Amino acid sequence: MPTTVPAQMRALVLADFGNLLLEDRPTPVPAPGEVLVRIVATGICGSDLHGYTGENGRRQPGQVMGHETVGVVAALGDGATGHALGDVVVLNPNLACGTCARCLEGNAHICARRRVIGVDPAISSAFADYLAAPAANLVPFAGDVAVGALVEPLAVGYHAALRGGVDADSRVLVLGGGPIGQAVAIACRRLGAASVLVSEPHPARRTLVAQLGFAVVDPGTEDVHEAAGTIDVTIDAVGVSATLATALAATSAGGTVVLVGMGAPTVELPAYAISTAERTLVGAFCYAPAHFADTAAWAAGAVAELAPLISRTVGPEQAQAAFAGLADGSDSASKILVAFAPDLLN
């Protein structure tokens, strides 16, 4: 990497919904306690894609998106500790107050004053050559650099599995075989679940889920409830009314349903399926900082298992085409990485 930081950097700017432009912007200067990271690669998240199309209302024209990222430490702000120049790091994008009850109990991801790098339009984020972030939000990563870009979504899946209480006795159904559903299934296997079945209608995603070593069912042609058998924990990685109803119907009495998918802001649900069978409905969002750090440490040693998750890598010049293909459905890629420093990828 260069020994000096350039004054200008390349950044993918959401010029308008459906239009990303590669522009030159000033390189961020790390504030006290912050670290400047040279971005190696950033994954395209489903929320980035919905921000690109304008569907989710959580991105605004003019901002630089991106939060599933890995990079190397390029400079240290005054007082920044815990990292050295050249260290490979992954980003926990949740910025919290650090003083409220949720933060103090280790749940900074549900801090009422939380801001998210890659979502907050005021923060220049990870689809760029450089990113400034608090030192505490950066976690060392000792594995294959490309796999580092998967840590963030993998942490979402791990947190969801923990919220469901998945253990060695758990028979688990995962609804949705996209990137988060894949991460959930991997986390359940990591936790030693007795069985994991994934329900996914898209053929390409079913193929990948099977390649990852999981049983998979097509809900369009098979009865998910019948295929699943006895289920203790269902994790809905889609998050619409139909999948939540399926989750409740498929889960045994006394079992747990985890809602991690964010497919719709409002859903209808069969209330009696919760009350009369004493099923527990649990929300899961992002990850506790400890769960993110645990996932980074685990992923560093799981390259062979995780490598199939990366569909391909493109340069920032090809990012607009990649987003457009994912948005219109002509591209069935699971995870595309945008590489800003391809020479640093393992």
Protein backbone atom coordinates (compact mmCIF):
# COMPACT_ATOMS: atom_id res chain seq x y z
CA MET A 1 0.00 0.00 0.00
CA PRO A 2 1.20 3.57 -0.48
CA THR A 3 3.28 5.10 2.29
CA THR A 4 1.35 8.35 2.00
CA VAL A 5 -2.40 8.88 1.90
CA PRO A 6 -3.64 10.77 -1.17
CA ALA A 7 -5.70 13.92 -0.71
CA GLN A 8 -8.37 12.62 -3.09
CA MET A 9 -9.99 9.21 -3.32
CA ARG A 10 -12.42 7.40 -5.56
CA ALA A 11 -15.93 7.00 -4.18
CA LEU A 12 -19.07 5.38 -5.55
CA VAL A 13 -21.73 8.03 -5.10
CA LEU A 14 -25.46 7.32 -5.25
CA ALA A 15 -26.08 10.17 -7.68
CA ASP A 16 -29.74 9.21 -7.92
CA PHE A 17 -31.75 6.07 -7.39
CA GLY A 18 -30.55 3.57 -9.95
CA ASN A 19 -27.39 5.51 -10.74
CA LEU A 20 -23.98 5.10 -9.11
CA LEU A 21 -21.17 7.38 -10.25
CA LEU A 22 -17.47 6.97 -9.52
CA GLU A 23 -16.27 10.38 -8.35
CA ASP A 24 -13.18 11.92 -6.81
CA ARG A 25 -13.83 13.10 -3.26
CA PRO A 26 -11.58 14.32 -0.45
CA THR A 27 -10.01 11.49 1.52
CA PRO A 28 -11.39 11.51 5.09
CA VAL A 29 -9.06 12.71 7.84
CA PRO A 30 -9.33 10.53 10.95
CA ALA A 31 -10.58 12.43 13.99
CA PRO A 32 -9.16 11.73 17.46
CA GLY A 33 -9.83 8.11 18.31
CA GLU A 34 -10.47 7.21 14.68
CA VAL A 35 -8.56 5.07 12.20
CA LEU A 36 -8.27 5.67 8.46
CA VAL A 37 -8.80 2.40 6.61
CA ARG A 38 -7.74 1.75 3.04
CA ILE A 39 -10.65 -0.28 1.70
CA VAL A 40 -9.67 -3.51 0.00
CA ALA A 41 -13.15 -4.82 -0.86
CA THR A 42 -16.77 -4.16 0.06
CA GLY A 43 -19.69 -6.53 -0.48
CA ILE A 44 -22.99 -5.50 -2.03
CA CYS A 45 -25.60 -6.04 0.67
CA GLY A 46 -29.30 -6.46 0.02
CA SER A 47 -29.90 -3.22 1.92
CA ASP A 48 -27.42 -1.45 -0.38
CA LEU A 49 -29.33 -2.81 -3.36
CA HIS A 50 -32.66 -1.61 -1.97
CA GLY A 51 -31.04 1.73 -1.22
CA TYR A 52 -29.81 1.87 -4.81
CA THR A 53 -33.35 1.31 -6.11
CA GLY A 54 -34.90 3.62 -3.51
CA GLU A 55 -37.12 0.84 -2.17
CA ASN A 56 -36.22 0.99 1.50
CA GLY A 57 -36.05 4.75 2.10
CA ARG A 58 -32.84 4.26 4.09
CA ARG A 59 -30.41 5.71 1.54
CA GLN A 60 -30.35 9.18 -0.01
CA PRO A 61 -28.94 10.49 -3.29
CA GLY A 62 -25.50 12.00 -2.78
CA GLN A 63 -24.29 9.53 -0.19
CA VAL A 64 -21.56 6.89 -0.32
CA MET A 65 -22.94 3.53 0.81
CA GLY A 66 -21.21 0.30 1.87
CA HIS A 67 -20.70 -1.48 5.19
CA GLU A 68 -19.68 -5.12 4.48
CA THR A 69 -16.01 -4.33 4.21
CA VAL A 70 -12.40 -5.30 4.84
CA GLY A 71 -9.35 -3.07 4.62
CA VAL A 72 -5.94 -2.19 5.99
CA VAL A 73 -5.03 0.50 8.49
CA ALA A 74 -3.60 3.49 6.61
CA ALA A 75 -3.39 6.16 9.33
CA LEU A 76 -4.21 6.68 13.01
CA GLY A 77 -5.98 9.66 14.50
CA ASP A 78 -4.74 11.13 17.75
CA GLY A 79 -5.29 8.72 20.62
CA ALA A 80 -6.41 5.82 18.43
CA THR A 81 -5.21 2.56 19.97
CA GLY A 82 -5.43 -1.16 19.33
CA HIS A 83 -4.31 -1.07 15.70
CA ALA A 84 -1.08 -0.58 13.78
CA LEU A 85 -0.37 0.61 10.26
CA GLY A 86 -0.89 -2.23 7.80
CA ASP A 87 -3.19 -4.29 10.03
CA VAL A 88 -6.06 -6.01 8.20
CA VAL A 89 -9.37 -5.06 9.82
CA VAL A 90 -13.09 -5.58 9.36
CA LEU A 91 -15.73 -2.99 10.21
CA ASN A 92 -18.57 -3.19 12.72
CA PRO A 93 -20.63 -0.33 11.22
CA ASN A 94 -22.83 0.34 14.27
CA LEU A 95 -21.94 3.60 16.00
CA ALA A 96 -23.48 3.86 19.47
CA CYS A 97 -23.46 6.31 22.38
CA GLY A 98 -21.52 3.98 24.70
CA THR A 99 -23.28 5.23 27.82
CA CYS A 100 -26.91 4.04 27.72
CA ALA A 101 -28.19 0.87 29.39
CA ARG A 102 -28.16 -1.11 26.13
CA CYS A 103 -24.56 -0.11 25.37
CA LEU A 104 -23.39 -0.88 28.89
CA GLU A 105 -24.92 -4.37 28.79
CA GLY A 106 -23.11 -5.14 25.53
CA ASN A 107 -25.97 -4.50 23.13
CA ALA A 108 -24.75 -1.39 21.36
CA HIS A 109 -26.52 -2.50 18.19
CA ILE A 110 -29.88 -1.56 19.73
CA CYS A 111 -28.73 1.73 21.23
CA ALA A 112 -31.49 4.32 20.74
CA ARG A 113 -28.88 6.77 19.41
CA ARG A 114 -27.27 4.27 17.05
CA ARG A 115 -26.00 5.45 13.68
CA VAL A 116 -24.85 3.03 10.99
CA ILE A 117 -21.91 3.53 8.68
CA GLY A 118 -23.23 2.89 5.18
CA VAL A 119 -26.77 3.92 6.09
CA ASP A 120 -26.33 7.38 7.61
CA PRO A 121 -26.02 9.76 4.63
CA ALA A 122 -23.73 12.08 6.58
CA ILE A 123 -21.00 9.42 6.82
CA SER A 124 -18.78 8.64 3.84
CA SER A 125 -18.78 4.87 3.85
CA ALA A 126 -17.08 1.80 2.41
CA PHE A 127 -17.72 1.97 -1.34
CA ALA A 128 -14.64 4.17 -1.55
CA ASP A 129 -10.86 3.96 -1.39
CA TYR A 130 -10.77 5.12 2.24
CA LEU A 131 -13.02 5.15 5.30
CA ALA A 132 -12.55 6.79 8.70
CA ALA A 133 -14.08 4.91 11.64
CA PRO A 134 -13.66 4.74 15.42
CA ALA A 135 -10.85 2.41 16.44
CA ALA A 136 -13.30 0.48 18.64
CA ASN A 137 -15.42 -0.40 15.57
CA LEU A 138 -12.54 -2.11 13.79
CA VAL A 139 -11.76 -5.76 14.49
CA PRO A 140 -8.50 -7.45 13.45
CA PHE A 141 -8.87 -10.12 10.78
CA ALA A 142 -6.24 -12.81 10.32
CA GLY A 143 -7.75 -14.82 7.47
CA ASP A 144 -8.07 -14.61 3.70
CA VAL A 145 -8.69 -10.93 3.02
CA ALA A 146 -11.63 -11.50 0.64
CA VAL A 147 -13.43 -13.56 3.29
CA GLY A 148 -13.13 -10.56 5.61
CA ALA A 149 -15.79 -8.82 3.51
CA LEU A 150 -18.22 -11.58 4.55
CA VAL A 151 -17.82 -11.11 8.30
CA GLU A 152 -20.60 -8.53 8.64
CA PRO A 153 -23.42 -10.60 7.09
CA LEU A 154 -22.09 -13.74 8.77
CA ALA A 155 -22.38 -11.93 12.10
CA VAL A 156 -26.03 -11.14 11.34
CA GLY A 157 -26.69 -14.85 10.86
CA TYR A 158 -24.76 -15.82 13.99
CA HIS A 159 -26.65 -13.31 16.14
CA ALA A 160 -29.99 -14.54 14.77
CA ALA A 161 -29.10 -18.16 15.58
CA LEU A 162 -28.08 -17.18 19.10
CA ARG A 163 -31.33 -15.25 19.54
CA GLY A 164 -33.14 -18.47 18.67
CA GLY A 165 -31.20 -20.43 21.26
CA VAL A 166 -29.84 -22.83 18.65
CA ASP A 167 -27.77 -25.63 20.17
CA ALA A 168 -26.89 -29.27 19.56
CA ASP A 169 -30.48 -30.41 20.13
CA SER A 170 -32.05 -27.91 17.73
CA ARG A 171 -33.84 -28.94 14.56
CA VAL A 172 -33.79 -25.75 12.53
CA LEU A 173 -35.73 -24.45 9.53
CA VAL A 174 -34.35 -21.42 7.70
CA LEU A 175 -36.74 -19.52 5.44
CA GLY A 176 -34.82 -17.83 2.65
CA GLY A 177 -31.57 -18.97 1.08
CA GLY A 178 -30.17 -15.57 0.16
CA PRO A 179 -27.02 -14.14 1.77
CA ILE A 180 -28.59 -13.75 5.22
CA GLY A 181 -30.30 -17.14 5.07
CA GLN A 182 -26.98 -18.67 4.05
CA ALA A 183 -25.30 -16.92 6.98
CA VAL A 184 -27.99 -18.20 9.35
CA ALA A 185 -27.61 -21.78 8.14
CA ILE A 186 -23.82 -21.60 8.48
CA ALA A 187 -24.19 -20.21 12.00
CA CYS A 188 -26.58 -23.00 12.99
CA ARG A 189 -24.09 -25.57 11.77
CA ARG A 190 -21.33 -23.72 13.61
CA LEU A 191 -23.42 -24.01 16.79
CA GLY A 192 -23.84 -27.76 16.25
CA ALA A 193 -27.55 -27.86 15.34
CA ALA A 194 -28.96 -31.36 15.02
CA SER A 195 -30.38 -30.55 11.57
CA VAL A 196 -30.75 -27.53 9.28
CA LEU A 197 -33.23 -27.30 6.41
CA VAL A 198 -33.36 -24.26 4.13
CA SER A 199 -36.45 -23.22 2.14
CA GLU A 200 -35.66 -21.16 -0.98
CA PRO A 201 -37.67 -20.68 -4.21
CA HIS A 202 -34.82 -19.39 -6.43
CA PRO A 203 -32.99 -22.21 -8.29
CA ALA A 204 -29.54 -20.56 -8.24
CA ARG A 205 -29.77 -19.95 -4.52
CA ARG A 206 -30.93 -23.51 -3.88
CA THR A 207 -27.91 -24.76 -5.80
CA LEU A 208 -25.55 -22.67 -3.68
CA VAL A 209 -27.23 -23.72 -0.43
CA ALA A 210 -26.82 -27.37 -1.44
CA GLN A 211 -23.19 -26.69 -2.39
CA LEU A 212 -22.70 -25.35 1.12
CA GLY A 213 -23.84 -28.73 2.43
CA PHE A 214 -27.41 -28.03 3.55
CA ALA A 215 -30.68 -29.78 2.84
CA VAL A 216 -32.86 -27.46 0.77
CA VAL A 217 -36.51 -27.44 -0.28
CA ASP A 218 -38.39 -25.49 -2.97
CA PRO A 219 -41.47 -23.97 -1.29
CA GLY A 220 -43.10 -23.55 -4.70
CA THR A 221 -43.27 -27.28 -5.33
CA GLU A 222 -42.95 -28.89 -1.91
CA ASP A 223 -44.82 -28.54 1.37
CA VAL A 224 -42.31 -26.90 3.69
CA HIS A 225 -44.12 -28.07 6.82
CA GLU A 226 -44.16 -31.68 5.63
CA ALA A 227 -40.55 -31.57 4.44
CA ALA A 228 -39.34 -30.03 7.67
CA GLY A 229 -40.86 -32.54 10.07
CA THR A 230 -40.39 -31.58 13.71
CA ILE A 231 -38.85 -28.12 14.00
CA ASP A 232 -37.69 -26.49 17.23
CA VAL A 233 -36.44 -23.19 15.78
CA THR A 234 -37.45 -21.44 12.57
CA ILE A 235 -35.46 -18.42 11.44
CA ASP A 236 -37.22 -16.20 8.91
CA ALA A 237 -34.55 -14.55 6.77
CA VAL A 238 -37.12 -13.05 4.40
CA GLY A 239 -39.47 -11.11 6.64
CA VAL A 240 -42.82 -10.84 4.84
CA SER A 241 -46.29 -11.91 5.94
CA ALA A 242 -46.24 -15.19 4.02
CA THR A 243 -42.90 -16.39 5.37
CA LEU A 244 -43.74 -15.41 8.93
CA ALA A 245 -46.99 -17.39 8.67
CA THR A 246 -45.02 -20.36 7.32
CA ALA A 247 -42.53 -20.05 10.16
CA LEU A 248 -45.24 -20.16 12.80
CA ALA A 249 -47.03 -23.08 11.14
CA ALA A 250 -43.85 -25.12 10.75
CA THR A 251 -42.50 -24.61 14.27
CA SER A 252 -43.50 -27.11 16.92
CA ALA A 253 -45.56 -26.05 19.92
CA GLY A 254 -43.31 -24.39 22.46
CA GLY A 255 -40.72 -23.64 19.78
CA THR A 256 -39.11 -20.39 18.72
CA VAL A 257 -39.44 -18.24 15.60
CA VAL A 258 -36.75 -15.64 14.92
CA LEU A 259 -37.52 -12.75 12.59
CA VAL A 260 -34.29 -11.44 11.07
CA GLY A 261 -35.43 -10.75 7.51
CA MET A 262 -36.49 -7.20 6.74
CA GLY A 263 -38.52 -7.79 3.59
CA ALA A 264 -41.39 -5.56 4.68
CA PRO A 265 -41.80 -2.87 7.36
CA THR A 266 -45.26 -4.19 8.28
CA VAL A 267 -46.48 -7.79 8.34
CA GLU A 268 -49.67 -9.62 9.26
CA LEU A 269 -49.38 -12.69 11.44
CA PRO A 270 -51.68 -15.42 12.79
CA ALA A 271 -51.81 -14.40 16.45
CA TYR A 272 -53.31 -17.66 17.69
CA ALA A 273 -50.36 -19.56 16.23
CA ILE A 274 -48.26 -17.73 18.81
CA SER A 275 -50.55 -17.78 21.82
CA THR A 276 -52.30 -21.16 21.72
CA ALA A 277 -49.13 -23.17 21.03
CA GLU A 278 -46.93 -20.96 23.20
CA ARG A 279 -44.47 -20.32 20.42
CA THR A 280 -41.96 -17.55 21.07
CA LEU A 281 -41.47 -14.85 18.42
CA VAL A 282 -38.08 -13.14 18.71
CA GLY A 283 -36.59 -10.25 16.78
CA ALA A 284 -32.97 -10.19 15.63
CA PHE A 285 -31.16 -7.15 14.27
CA CYS A 286 -27.51 -6.85 13.33
CA TYR A 287 -25.32 -8.26 16.11
CA ALA A 288 -23.91 -7.48 19.51
CA PRO A 289 -20.28 -6.28 19.30
CA ALA A 290 -19.09 -9.51 20.93
CA HIS A 291 -20.92 -11.58 18.31
CA PHE A 292 -19.27 -9.59 15.52
CA ALA A 293 -15.82 -10.13 17.04
CA ASP A 294 -16.53 -13.83 17.57
CA THR A 295 -17.57 -14.19 13.95
CA ALA A 296 -14.44 -12.43 12.68
CA ALA A 297 -12.24 -14.80 14.69
CA TRP A 298 -14.15 -17.86 13.48
CA ALA A 299 -14.32 -16.80 9.82
CA ALA A 300 -10.55 -16.35 9.66
CA GLY A 301 -10.21 -20.12 9.99
CA ALA A 302 -13.13 -21.13 7.78
CA VAL A 303 -11.94 -20.03 4.33
CA ALA A 304 -12.79 -23.31 2.56
CA GLU A 305 -16.33 -23.30 3.97
CA LEU A 306 -16.97 -19.64 3.17
CA ALA A 307 -15.27 -19.13 -0.19
CA PRO A 308 -18.31 -20.38 -2.22
CA LEU A 309 -20.33 -17.44 -0.85
CA ILE A 310 -18.38 -15.00 -3.04
CA SER A 311 -19.83 -15.05 -6.55
CA ARG A 312 -17.28 -12.72 -8.11
CA THR A 313 -15.23 -9.56 -7.62
CA VAL A 314 -15.58 -6.41 -9.73
CA GLY A 315 -13.76 -3.11 -9.79
CA PRO A 316 -15.50 0.14 -8.83
CA GLU A 317 -15.81 0.99 -12.53
CA GLN A 318 -18.08 -2.05 -12.94
CA ALA A 319 -20.14 -1.43 -9.79
CA GLN A 320 -23.00 0.40 -11.52
CA ALA A 321 -23.48 -2.52 -13.93
CA ALA A 322 -23.32 -5.00 -11.04
CA PHE A 323 -25.96 -3.12 -9.04
CA ALA A 324 -28.19 -2.76 -12.11
CA GLY A 325 -28.02 -6.48 -12.88
CA LEU A 326 -28.91 -7.42 -9.33
CA ALA A 327 -31.73 -4.87 -9.26
CA ASP A 328 -33.42 -6.02 -12.48
CA GLY A 329 -32.94 -9.72 -11.72
CA SER A 330 -30.71 -10.46 -14.71
CA ASP A 331 -27.85 -11.31 -12.33
CA SER A 332 -28.41 -14.11 -9.81
CA ALA A 333 -25.10 -13.62 -7.99
CA SER A 334 -25.19 -14.27 -4.27
CA LYS A 335 -22.42 -11.92 -3.16
CA ILE A 336 -20.47 -9.53 -5.35
CA LEU A 337 -17.43 -7.79 -3.91
CA VAL A 338 -16.34 -4.38 -5.17
CA ALA A 339 -12.54 -4.35 -4.91
CA PHE A 340 -10.88 -0.97 -4.44
CA ALA A 341 -7.45 -2.51 -3.83
CA PRO A 342 -7.47 -5.81 -5.73
CA ASP A 343 -3.71 -6.12 -5.32
CA LEU A 344 -4.29 -6.67 -1.59
CA LEU A 345 -6.78 -9.51 -2.01
CA ASN A 346 -5.28 -12.90 -1.13
